[in-house]
Amino acid sequence: MREKPDDIGPGKPKSQRETEREVRLKLALKANMGRRKAQARARSAADSDGPGAGLIDDNNKNE
């Protein structure tokens, strides 16, 4: 969406409650993203090291 040229100027000042809410939301977002990155790293490590890793290579050795 594009903003109207009239809306680009300084908006109404935010209350302290709104500012605190934004800070909490940003911190929660950072924490969630950190958790998701850690889960993705753990999954990729489990995929490469976990059970079943290299099964295709093991089956091809018998041929």
Protein backbone atom coordinates (compact mmCIF):
# COMPACT_ATOMS: atom_id res chain seq x y z
CA MET A 1 0.00 0.00 0.00
CA ARG A 2 1.11 3.47 -0.70
CA GLU A 3 0.71 6.25 1.76
CA LYS A 4 -1.03 9.41 0.74
CA PRO A 5 1.30 12.40 0.53
CA ASP A 6 -0.68 13.99 3.35
CA ASP A 7 0.11 11.06 5.64
CA ILE A 8 3.88 11.15 5.14
CA GLY A 9 4.46 14.03 7.57
CA PRO A 10 5.01 13.52 11.27
CA GLY A 11 2.21 11.49 12.82
CA LYS A 12 0.65 12.00 16.15
CA PRO A 13 3.06 11.35 19.01
CA LYS A 14 2.82 7.86 20.42
CA SER A 15 1.84 7.38 23.99
CA GLN A 16 4.23 5.70 26.37
CA ARG A 17 1.94 2.66 26.41
CA GLU A 18 2.18 2.30 22.61
CA THR A 19 5.95 2.73 22.70
CA GLU A 20 6.35 0.08 25.41
CA ARG A 21 4.14 -2.28 23.44
CA GLU A 22 6.30 -1.85 20.34
CA VAL A 23 9.43 -2.54 22.36
CA ARG A 24 7.88 -5.72 23.81
CA LEU A 25 6.79 -6.87 20.37
CA LYS A 26 10.24 -6.30 18.90
CA LEU A 27 11.88 -8.23 21.73
CA ALA A 28 9.41 -11.09 21.35
CA LEU A 29 10.05 -11.18 17.61
CA LYS A 30 13.81 -11.34 18.15
CA ALA A 31 13.40 -14.15 20.68
CA ASN A 32 11.12 -16.12 18.35
CA MET A 33 13.46 -15.71 15.41
CA GLY A 34 16.38 -16.85 17.55
CA ARG A 35 14.43 -19.92 18.63
CA ARG A 36 13.45 -20.73 15.07
CA LYS A 37 17.06 -20.40 13.88
CA ALA A 38 18.23 -22.71 16.66
CA GLN A 39 15.55 -25.25 15.74
CA ALA A 40 16.54 -25.09 12.07
CA ARG A 41 20.21 -25.60 12.98
CA ALA A 42 19.31 -28.55 15.18
CA ARG A 43 17.18 -30.07 12.43
CA SER A 44 19.89 -29.71 9.81
CA ALA A 45 22.47 -31.22 12.17
CA ALA A 46 20.12 -34.11 12.95
CA ASP A 47 19.46 -34.68 9.26
CA SER A 48 23.14 -34.97 8.45
CA ASP A 49 24.18 -36.91 11.57
CA GLY A 50 21.01 -38.73 12.54
CA PRO A 51 19.90 -42.28 11.96
CA GLY A 52 19.49 -43.08 8.31
CA ALA A 53 22.23 -40.73 7.21
CA GLY A 54 24.12 -42.33 4.37
CA LEU A 55 21.61 -45.10 3.69
CA ILE A 56 21.72 -44.47 -0.03
CA ASP A 57 25.50 -44.84 -0.08
CA ASP A 58 25.34 -48.06 1.99
CA ASN A 59 22.84 -49.63 -0.40
CA ASN A 60 24.95 -48.78 -3.43
CA LYS A 61 28.06 -50.46 -1.99
CA ASN A 62 26.45 -53.91 -2.39
CA GLU A 63 26.18 -53.54 -6.16
